[in-house]
Amino acid sequence: MFSSFQKKKSGLGKLMHEDNAARREVEAAADEGLGNLTDGQASGEASGTMMAGHKAHLDKRSLDLVFAVEQMIKAKQHTETCNNDLQDRLSHANGQIERQNKDLKNLGRVIEERESSILELEQRVSEKNQKIDHMMEEYRELQSVLSGEIEELKTVLELERQNYKGMFKKYNETTADKNKKITTLEEKNSRLEIELTQMKQKFESLRQEKTHLLNMVNEFTNRMTAPFGAGGHPFQGSTGD
């Protein structure tokens, strides 16, 4: 891209040089033609004035010569008119050339600015590429490190999975054993509850029997300790009963 702008710039400089050379050649030719026409016009006017005075005394050949001179004078006048027109056109062309030169200079400045901008952009792109290359290198290093860590984690995860599998199996066995023990204890508890109920019934029966015996002993003791006059013979009441 930079070489294409250099070619455009050199082409514009060459065009400006050729325009200036053509302009100088046209101006030199116009100045030379204008000087010749001015000298010819002055001499023609003098000759015309002199010939007009002697025209009446000239023969036919002389008249033809005078007519030819007059035609030459008119041709020179026409040439002068054309030269003036060319001068106007030359002035117009000079103005256009000056404007084109200004445009070329402006375009040259624009091209230089664009070239400077392009160089700056190329520098930025180069810096960006360097940063990207550095980041890619860091990414590759990080990817290598992470790949190793991932493999280690996979190994650890597999070991943990095996441990979990063994622990889960052991947990199931322990749970089954505990459930079996709980069932055994529940059955034993049921038997103990039945035995406890039977023992409570037996204890209640013994308590009632003991209470009955205590009542009998107390009653017997009371009768034995009672005075003979008050109740008669201590065994009478019991006999009567």
C-alpha atoms as a PDB file:
ATOM      1  CA  MET A   1       0.000   0.000   0.000  1.00  0.00           C
ATOM      2  CA  PHE A   2       2.840   2.363   0.803  1.00  0.00           C
ATOM      3  CA  SER A   3       4.552   1.671  -2.581  1.00  0.00           C
ATOM      4  CA  SER A   4       1.308   2.492  -4.464  1.00  0.00           C
ATOM      5  CA  PHE A   5       1.153   5.895  -2.739  1.00  0.00           C
ATOM      6  CA  GLN A   6       4.811   6.503  -3.639  1.00  0.00           C
ATOM      7  CA  LYS A   7       4.043   5.748  -7.312  1.00  0.00           C
ATOM      8  CA  LYS A   8       1.067   8.135  -7.267  1.00  0.00           C
ATOM      9  CA  LYS A   9       3.186  10.837  -5.696  1.00  0.00           C
ATOM     10  CA  SER A  10       6.014  10.456  -8.269  1.00  0.00           C
ATOM     11  CA  GLY A  11       3.441  10.469 -11.121  1.00  0.00           C
ATOM     12  CA  LEU A  12       1.919  13.693  -9.817  1.00  0.00           C
ATOM     13  CA  GLY A  13       5.371  15.316  -9.582  1.00  0.00           C
ATOM     14  CA  LYS A  14       6.188  14.276 -13.154  1.00  0.00           C
ATOM     15  CA  LEU A  15       2.857  15.692 -14.393  1.00  0.00           C
ATOM     16  CA  MET A  16       3.537  19.023 -12.644  1.00  0.00           C
ATOM     17  CA  HIS A  17       7.010  19.184 -14.247  1.00  0.00           C
ATOM     18  CA  GLU A  18       5.609  18.502 -17.755  1.00  0.00           C
ATOM     19  CA  ASP A  19       2.847  21.128 -17.312  1.00  0.00           C
ATOM     20  CA  ASN A  20       5.386  23.760 -16.274  1.00  0.00           C
ATOM     21  CA  ALA A  21       7.642  22.958 -19.287  1.00  0.00           C
ATOM     22  CA  ALA A  22       4.708  23.182 -21.741  1.00  0.00           C
ATOM     23  CA  ARG A  23       3.619  26.426 -20.158  1.00  0.00           C
ATOM     24  CA  ARG A  24       7.083  27.960 -20.627  1.00  0.00           C
ATOM     25  CA  GLU A  25       7.223  26.837 -24.288  1.00  0.00           C
ATOM     26  CA  VAL A  26       3.783  28.304 -25.089  1.00  0.00           C
ATOM     27  CA  GLU A  27       4.635  31.614 -23.418  1.00  0.00           C
ATOM     28  CA  ALA A  28       7.925  31.869 -25.369  1.00  0.00           C
ATOM     29  CA  ALA A  29       6.215  31.123 -28.708  1.00  0.00           C
ATOM     30  CA  ALA A  30       3.419  33.619 -27.998  1.00  0.00           C
ATOM     31  CA  ASP A  31       5.875  36.385 -27.092  1.00  0.00           C
ATOM     32  CA  GLU A  32       7.884  35.747 -30.264  1.00  0.00           C
ATOM     33  CA  GLY A  33       4.743  35.762 -32.481  1.00  0.00           C
ATOM     34  CA  LEU A  34       3.454  38.906 -30.835  1.00  0.00           C
ATOM     35  CA  GLY A  35       6.725  40.753 -31.498  1.00  0.00           C
ATOM     36  CA  ASN A  36       6.768  39.714 -35.164  1.00  0.00           C
ATOM     37  CA  LEU A  37       3.138  40.735 -35.664  1.00  0.00           C
ATOM     38  CA  THR A  38       3.705  44.130 -34.062  1.00  0.00           C
ATOM     39  CA  ASP A  39       6.710  44.851 -36.312  1.00  0.00           C
ATOM     40  CA  GLY A  40       4.820  43.668 -39.404  1.00  0.00           C
ATOM     41  CA  GLN A  41       1.795  45.791 -38.566  1.00  0.00           C
ATOM     42  CA  ALA A  42       3.882  48.938 -38.196  1.00  0.00           C
ATOM     43  CA  SER A  43       5.711  48.360 -41.456  1.00  0.00           C
ATOM     44  CA  GLY A  44       2.439  47.428 -43.218  1.00  0.00           C
ATOM     45  CA  GLU A  45       0.736  50.612 -42.094  1.00  0.00           C
ATOM     46  CA  ALA A  46       3.644  52.690 -43.359  1.00  0.00           C
ATOM     47  CA  SER A  47       3.696  50.834 -46.676  1.00  0.00           C
ATOM     48  CA  GLY A  48      -0.082  51.177 -47.039  1.00  0.00           C
ATOM     49  CA  THR A  49       0.104  54.912 -46.483  1.00  0.00           C
ATOM     50  CA  MET A  50       2.877  55.299 -48.999  1.00  0.00           C
ATOM     51  CA  MET A  51       1.166  53.068 -51.547  1.00  0.00           C
ATOM     52  CA  ALA A  52      -2.163  54.853 -51.180  1.00  0.00           C
ATOM     53  CA  GLY A  53      -0.473  58.075 -52.264  1.00  0.00           C
ATOM     54  CA  HIS A  54       1.083  56.558 -55.358  1.00  0.00           C
ATOM     55  CA  LYS A  55      -1.726  54.156 -56.227  1.00  0.00           C
ATOM     56  CA  ALA A  56      -3.087  56.347 -58.987  1.00  0.00           C
ATOM     57  CA  HIS A  57       0.283  56.403 -60.845  1.00  0.00           C
ATOM     58  CA  LEU A  58       0.905  52.585 -60.664  1.00  0.00           C
ATOM     59  CA  ASP A  59       0.272  50.139 -63.504  1.00  0.00           C
ATOM     60  CA  LYS A  60      -1.676  46.870 -63.264  1.00  0.00           C
ATOM     61  CA  ARG A  61       1.302  44.868 -62.027  1.00  0.00           C
ATOM     62  CA  SER A  62       1.949  47.368 -59.343  1.00  0.00           C
ATOM     63  CA  LEU A  63      -1.717  47.369 -58.410  1.00  0.00           C
ATOM     64  CA  ASP A  64      -1.624  43.598 -58.075  1.00  0.00           C
ATOM     65  CA  LEU A  65       1.409  43.951 -55.864  1.00  0.00           C
ATOM     66  CA  VAL A  66      -0.322  46.554 -53.752  1.00  0.00           C
ATOM     67  CA  PHE A  67      -3.386  44.327 -53.461  1.00  0.00           C
ATOM     68  CA  ALA A  68      -1.184  41.433 -52.413  1.00  0.00           C
ATOM     69  CA  VAL A  69       0.486  43.611 -49.794  1.00  0.00           C
ATOM     70  CA  GLU A  70      -2.910  44.716 -48.504  1.00  0.00           C
ATOM     71  CA  GLN A  71      -3.973  41.061 -48.249  1.00  0.00           C
ATOM     72  CA  MET A  72      -0.793  40.295 -46.363  1.00  0.00           C
ATOM     73  CA  ILE A  73      -1.529  43.185 -44.004  1.00  0.00           C
ATOM     74  CA  LYS A  74      -5.059  41.860 -43.424  1.00  0.00           C
ATOM     75  CA  ALA A  75      -3.629  38.380 -42.888  1.00  0.00           C
ATOM     76  CA  LYS A  76      -1.203  39.808 -40.325  1.00  0.00           C
ATOM     77  CA  GLN A  77      -4.070  41.630 -38.636  1.00  0.00           C
ATOM     78  CA  HIS A  78      -6.029  38.381 -38.565  1.00  0.00           C
ATOM     79  CA  THR A  79      -2.969  36.657 -37.186  1.00  0.00           C
ATOM     80  CA  GLU A  80      -2.711  39.335 -34.499  1.00  0.00           C
ATOM     81  CA  THR A  81      -6.353  38.794 -33.621  1.00  0.00           C
ATOM     82  CA  CYS A  82      -5.706  35.059 -33.420  1.00  0.00           C
ATOM     83  CA  ASN A  83      -2.625  35.769 -31.332  1.00  0.00           C
ATOM     84  CA  ASN A  84      -4.673  37.866 -28.915  1.00  0.00           C
ATOM     85  CA  ASP A  85      -7.164  35.045 -28.709  1.00  0.00           C
ATOM     86  CA  LEU A  86      -4.305  32.635 -28.079  1.00  0.00           C
ATOM     87  CA  GLN A  87      -2.994  34.991 -25.398  1.00  0.00           C
ATOM     88  CA  ASP A  88      -6.406  34.929 -23.716  1.00  0.00           C
ATOM     89  CA  ARG A  89      -6.514  31.183 -24.013  1.00  0.00           C
ATOM     90  CA  LEU A  90      -2.969  31.014 -22.713  1.00  0.00           C
ATOM     91  CA  SER A  91      -3.899  33.179 -19.720  1.00  0.00           C
ATOM     92  CA  HIS A  92      -6.891  30.941 -19.090  1.00  0.00           C
ATOM     93  CA  ALA A  93      -4.678  27.867 -19.442  1.00  0.00           C
ATOM     94  CA  ASN A  94      -2.130  29.434 -17.087  1.00  0.00           C
ATOM     95  CA  GLY A  95      -4.884  30.006 -14.551  1.00  0.00           C
ATOM     96  CA  GLN A  96      -5.990  26.412 -14.919  1.00  0.00           C
ATOM     97  CA  ILE A  97      -2.391  25.226 -14.611  1.00  0.00           C
ATOM     98  CA  GLU A  98      -1.925  27.308 -11.459  1.00  0.00           C
ATOM     99  CA  ARG A  99      -5.119  25.879 -10.008  1.00  0.00           C
ATOM    100  CA  GLN A 100      -4.004  22.393 -10.982  1.00  0.00           C
ATOM    101  CA  ASN A 101      -0.614  23.032  -9.416  1.00  0.00           C
ATOM    102  CA  LYS A 102      -2.328  24.174  -6.222  1.00  0.00           C
ATOM    103  CA  ASP A 103      -4.545  21.111  -6.367  1.00  0.00           C
ATOM    104  CA  LEU A 104      -1.476  18.954  -6.933  1.00  0.00           C
ATOM    105  CA  LYS A 105       0.283  20.562  -3.982  1.00  0.00           C
ATOM    106  CA  ASN A 106      -2.806  20.058  -1.827  1.00  0.00           C
ATOM    107  CA  LEU A 107      -3.058  16.510  -3.088  1.00  0.00           C
ATOM    108  CA  GLY A 108       0.628  16.021  -2.286  1.00  0.00           C
ATOM    109  CA  ARG A 109       0.038  17.272   1.261  1.00  0.00           C
ATOM    110  CA  VAL A 110      -2.984  15.001   1.552  1.00  0.00           C
ATOM    111  CA  ILE A 111      -0.921  12.086   0.264  1.00  0.00           C
ATOM    112  CA  GLU A 112       1.838  12.875   2.771  1.00  0.00           C
ATOM    113  CA  GLU A 113      -0.734  13.048   5.557  1.00  0.00           C
ATOM    114  CA  ARG A 114      -2.247   9.782   4.360  1.00  0.00           C
ATOM    115  CA  GLU A 115       1.210   8.226   4.191  1.00  0.00           C
ATOM    116  CA  SER A 116       1.901   9.418   7.728  1.00  0.00           C
ATOM    117  CA  SER A 117      -1.443   8.010   8.844  1.00  0.00           C
ATOM    118  CA  ILE A 118      -0.690   4.753   7.043  1.00  0.00           C
ATOM    119  CA  LEU A 119       2.721   4.515   8.706  1.00  0.00           C
ATOM    120  CA  GLU A 120       1.125   5.188  12.072  1.00  0.00           C
ATOM    121  CA  LEU A 121      -1.539   2.562  11.401  1.00  0.00           C
ATOM    122  CA  GLU A 122       1.121   0.097  10.275  1.00  0.00           C
ATOM    123  CA  GLN A 123       3.010   0.780  13.507  1.00  0.00           C
ATOM    124  CA  ARG A 124      -0.149   0.217  15.523  1.00  0.00           C
ATOM    125  CA  VAL A 125      -0.915  -2.965  13.609  1.00  0.00           C
ATOM    126  CA  SER A 126       2.648  -4.159  14.215  1.00  0.00           C
ATOM    127  CA  GLU A 127       2.314  -3.448  17.941  1.00  0.00           C
ATOM    128  CA  LYS A 128      -1.066  -5.192  18.006  1.00  0.00           C
ATOM    129  CA  ASN A 129       0.422  -8.194  16.214  1.00  0.00           C
ATOM    130  CA  GLN A 130       3.260  -8.323  18.737  1.00  0.00           C
ATOM    131  CA  LYS A 131       0.759  -8.195  21.595  1.00  0.00           C
ATOM    132  CA  ILE A 132      -1.320 -10.917  19.946  1.00  0.00           C
ATOM    133  CA  ASP A 133       1.770 -13.076  19.455  1.00  0.00           C
ATOM    134  CA  HIS A 134       2.718 -12.561  23.108  1.00  0.00           C
ATOM    135  CA  MET A 135      -0.816 -13.408  24.231  1.00  0.00           C
ATOM    136  CA  MET A 136      -0.861 -16.502  22.019  1.00  0.00           C
ATOM    137  CA  GLU A 137       2.449 -17.625  23.537  1.00  0.00           C
ATOM    138  CA  GLU A 138       1.073 -17.107  27.045  1.00  0.00           C
ATOM    139  CA  TYR A 139      -2.103 -18.943  26.030  1.00  0.00           C
ATOM    140  CA  ARG A 140      -0.107 -21.914  24.760  1.00  0.00           C
ATOM    141  CA  GLU A 141       1.933 -22.001  27.969  1.00  0.00           C
ATOM    142  CA  LEU A 142      -1.223 -21.733  30.085  1.00  0.00           C
ATOM    143  CA  GLN A 143      -2.899 -24.429  28.012  1.00  0.00           C
ATOM    144  CA  SER A 144       0.087 -26.714  28.542  1.00  0.00           C
ATOM    145  CA  VAL A 145       0.047 -26.106  32.306  1.00  0.00           C
ATOM    146  CA  LEU A 146      -3.723 -26.562  32.504  1.00  0.00           C
ATOM    147  CA  SER A 147      -3.521 -29.768  30.469  1.00  0.00           C
ATOM    148  CA  GLY A 148      -1.100 -31.218  33.025  1.00  0.00           C
ATOM    149  CA  GLU A 149      -3.270 -30.078  35.929  1.00  0.00           C
ATOM    150  CA  ILE A 150      -6.378 -31.488  34.248  1.00  0.00           C
ATOM    151  CA  GLU A 151      -4.688 -34.869  33.849  1.00  0.00           C
ATOM    152  CA  GLU A 152      -3.673 -34.815  37.514  1.00  0.00           C
ATOM    153  CA  LEU A 153      -7.219 -33.891  38.520  1.00  0.00           C
ATOM    154  CA  LYS A 154      -8.575 -36.722  36.382  1.00  0.00           C
ATOM    155  CA  THR A 155      -6.263 -39.158  38.188  1.00  0.00           C
ATOM    156  CA  VAL A 156      -7.268 -37.795  41.597  1.00  0.00           C
ATOM    157  CA  LEU A 157     -10.926 -37.869  40.580  1.00  0.00           C
ATOM    158  CA  GLU A 158     -10.639 -41.504  39.516  1.00  0.00           C
ATOM    159  CA  LEU A 159      -9.020 -42.399  42.847  1.00  0.00           C
ATOM    160  CA  GLU A 160     -11.719 -40.520  44.725  1.00  0.00           C
ATOM    161  CA  ARG A 161     -14.362 -42.292  42.670  1.00  0.00           C
ATOM    162  CA  GLN A 162     -12.863 -45.662  43.545  1.00  0.00           C
ATOM    163  CA  ASN A 163     -12.667 -44.655  47.209  1.00  0.00           C
ATOM    164  CA  TYR A 164     -16.256 -43.475  47.126  1.00  0.00           C
ATOM    165  CA  LYS A 165     -17.323 -46.709  45.500  1.00  0.00           C
ATOM    166  CA  GLY A 166     -15.571 -48.722  48.227  1.00  0.00           C
ATOM    167  CA  MET A 167     -16.951 -46.494  50.978  1.00  0.00           C
ATOM    168  CA  PHE A 168     -20.446 -46.722  49.506  1.00  0.00           C
ATOM    169  CA  LYS A 169     -20.185 -50.512  49.425  1.00  0.00           C
ATOM    170  CA  LYS A 170     -18.930 -50.523  53.014  1.00  0.00           C
ATOM    171  CA  TYR A 171     -21.741 -48.150  53.977  1.00  0.00           C
ATOM    172  CA  ASN A 172     -24.314 -50.489  52.455  1.00  0.00           C
ATOM    173  CA  GLU A 173     -22.807 -53.433  54.306  1.00  0.00           C
ATOM    174  CA  THR A 174     -22.711 -51.446  57.551  1.00  0.00           C
ATOM    175  CA  THR A 175     -26.289 -50.290  57.020  1.00  0.00           C
ATOM    176  CA  ALA A 176     -27.452 -53.840  56.370  1.00  0.00           C
ATOM    177  CA  ASP A 177     -25.611 -55.048  59.491  1.00  0.00           C
ATOM    178  CA  LYS A 178     -27.106 -52.225  61.552  1.00  0.00           C
ATOM    179  CA  ASN A 179     -30.569 -52.994  60.220  1.00  0.00           C
ATOM    180  CA  LYS A 180     -30.063 -56.634  61.111  1.00  0.00           C
ATOM    181  CA  LYS A 181     -28.920 -55.693  64.607  1.00  0.00           C
ATOM    182  CA  ILE A 182     -31.814 -53.275  64.977  1.00  0.00           C
ATOM    183  CA  THR A 183     -34.232 -56.021  63.950  1.00  0.00           C
ATOM    184  CA  THR A 184     -32.631 -58.393  66.468  1.00  0.00           C
ATOM    185  CA  LEU A 185     -32.796 -55.738  69.194  1.00  0.00           C
ATOM    186  CA  GLU A 186     -36.413 -54.978  68.354  1.00  0.00           C
ATOM    187  CA  GLU A 187     -37.278 -58.667  68.634  1.00  0.00           C
ATOM    188  CA  LYS A 188     -35.352 -58.894  71.913  1.00  0.00           C
ATOM    189  CA  ASN A 189     -37.078 -55.757  73.149  1.00  0.00           C
ATOM    190  CA  SER A 190     -40.444 -57.257  72.288  1.00  0.00           C
ATOM    191  CA  ARG A 191     -39.578 -60.397  74.247  1.00  0.00           C
ATOM    192  CA  LEU A 192     -38.332 -58.316  77.171  1.00  0.00           C
ATOM    193  CA  GLU A 193     -41.483 -56.240  77.127  1.00  0.00           C
ATOM    194  CA  ILE A 194     -43.552 -59.413  77.255  1.00  0.00           C
ATOM    195  CA  GLU A 195     -41.404 -60.771  80.090  1.00  0.00           C
ATOM    196  CA  LEU A 196     -41.647 -57.407  81.869  1.00  0.00           C
ATOM    197  CA  THR A 197     -45.403 -57.464  81.557  1.00  0.00           C
ATOM    198  CA  GLN A 198     -45.495 -60.990  82.959  1.00  0.00           C
ATOM    199  CA  MET A 199     -43.149 -59.981  85.769  1.00  0.00           C
ATOM    200  CA  LYS A 200     -45.325 -56.957  86.538  1.00  0.00           C
ATOM    201  CA  GLN A 201     -48.344 -59.197  86.716  1.00  0.00           C
ATOM    202  CA  LYS A 202     -46.467 -61.637  88.919  1.00  0.00           C
ATOM    203  CA  PHE A 203     -45.192 -58.780  91.076  1.00  0.00           C
ATOM    204  CA  GLU A 204     -48.683 -57.384  91.385  1.00  0.00           C
ATOM    205  CA  SER A 205     -49.953 -60.793  92.399  1.00  0.00           C
ATOM    206  CA  LEU A 206     -47.180 -61.167  94.975  1.00  0.00           C
ATOM    207  CA  ARG A 207     -47.834 -57.658  96.242  1.00  0.00           C
ATOM    208  CA  GLN A 208     -51.500 -58.381  96.685  1.00  0.00           C
ATOM    209  CA  GLU A 209     -50.673 -61.641  98.403  1.00  0.00           C
ATOM    210  CA  LYS A 210     -48.144 -59.884 100.614  1.00  0.00           C
ATOM    211  CA  THR A 211     -50.669 -57.185 101.458  1.00  0.00           C
ATOM    212  CA  HIS A 212     -53.206 -59.817 102.317  1.00  0.00           C
ATOM    213  CA  LEU A 213     -50.714 -61.626 104.530  1.00  0.00           C
ATOM    214  CA  LEU A 214     -49.716 -58.370 106.236  1.00  0.00           C
ATOM    215  CA  ASN A 215     -53.339 -57.603 106.919  1.00  0.00           C
ATOM    216  CA  MET A 216     -53.796 -61.035 108.423  1.00  0.00           C
ATOM    217  CA  VAL A 217     -50.670 -60.642 110.562  1.00  0.00           C
ATOM    218  CA  ASN A 218     -51.750 -57.206 111.721  1.00  0.00           C
ATOM    219  CA  GLU A 219     -55.176 -58.465 112.547  1.00  0.00           C
ATOM    220  CA  PHE A 220     -53.717 -61.420 114.416  1.00  0.00           C
ATOM    221  CA  THR A 221     -51.322 -59.146 116.281  1.00  0.00           C
ATOM    222  CA  ASN A 222     -54.108 -56.796 117.231  1.00  0.00           C
ATOM    223  CA  ARG A 223     -56.167 -59.608 118.594  1.00  0.00           C
ATOM    224  CA  MET A 224     -53.281 -61.051 120.546  1.00  0.00           C
ATOM    225  CA  THR A 225     -52.457 -57.722 122.171  1.00  0.00           C
ATOM    226  CA  ALA A 226     -56.077 -56.845 123.061  1.00  0.00           C
ATOM    227  CA  PRO A 227     -57.119 -57.091 126.827  1.00  0.00           C
ATOM    228  CA  PHE A 228     -58.972 -60.223 127.875  1.00  0.00           C
ATOM    229  CA  GLY A 229     -61.819 -58.282 129.601  1.00  0.00           C
ATOM    230  CA  ALA A 230     -62.625 -56.151 126.664  1.00  0.00           C
ATOM    231  CA  GLY A 231     -62.878 -58.710 124.009  1.00  0.00           C
ATOM    232  CA  GLY A 232     -63.153 -61.978 125.984  1.00  0.00           C
ATOM    233  CA  HIS A 233     -60.913 -64.753 124.824  1.00  0.00           C
ATOM    234  CA  PRO A 234     -58.768 -63.643 121.947  1.00  0.00           C
ATOM    235  CA  PHE A 235     -59.666 -66.655 119.890  1.00  0.00           C
ATOM    236  CA  GLN A 236     -63.382 -66.318 120.404  1.00  0.00           C
ATOM    237  CA  GLY A 237     -63.876 -63.721 117.789  1.00  0.00           C
ATOM    238  CA  SER A 238     -61.890 -65.642 115.269  1.00  0.00           C
ATOM    239  CA  THR A 239     -63.746 -68.782 116.162  1.00  0.00           C
ATOM    240  CA  GLY A 240     -67.052 -67.033 115.800  1.00  0.00           C
ATOM    241  CA  ASP A 241     -65.895 -65.642 112.501  1.00  0.00           C
END
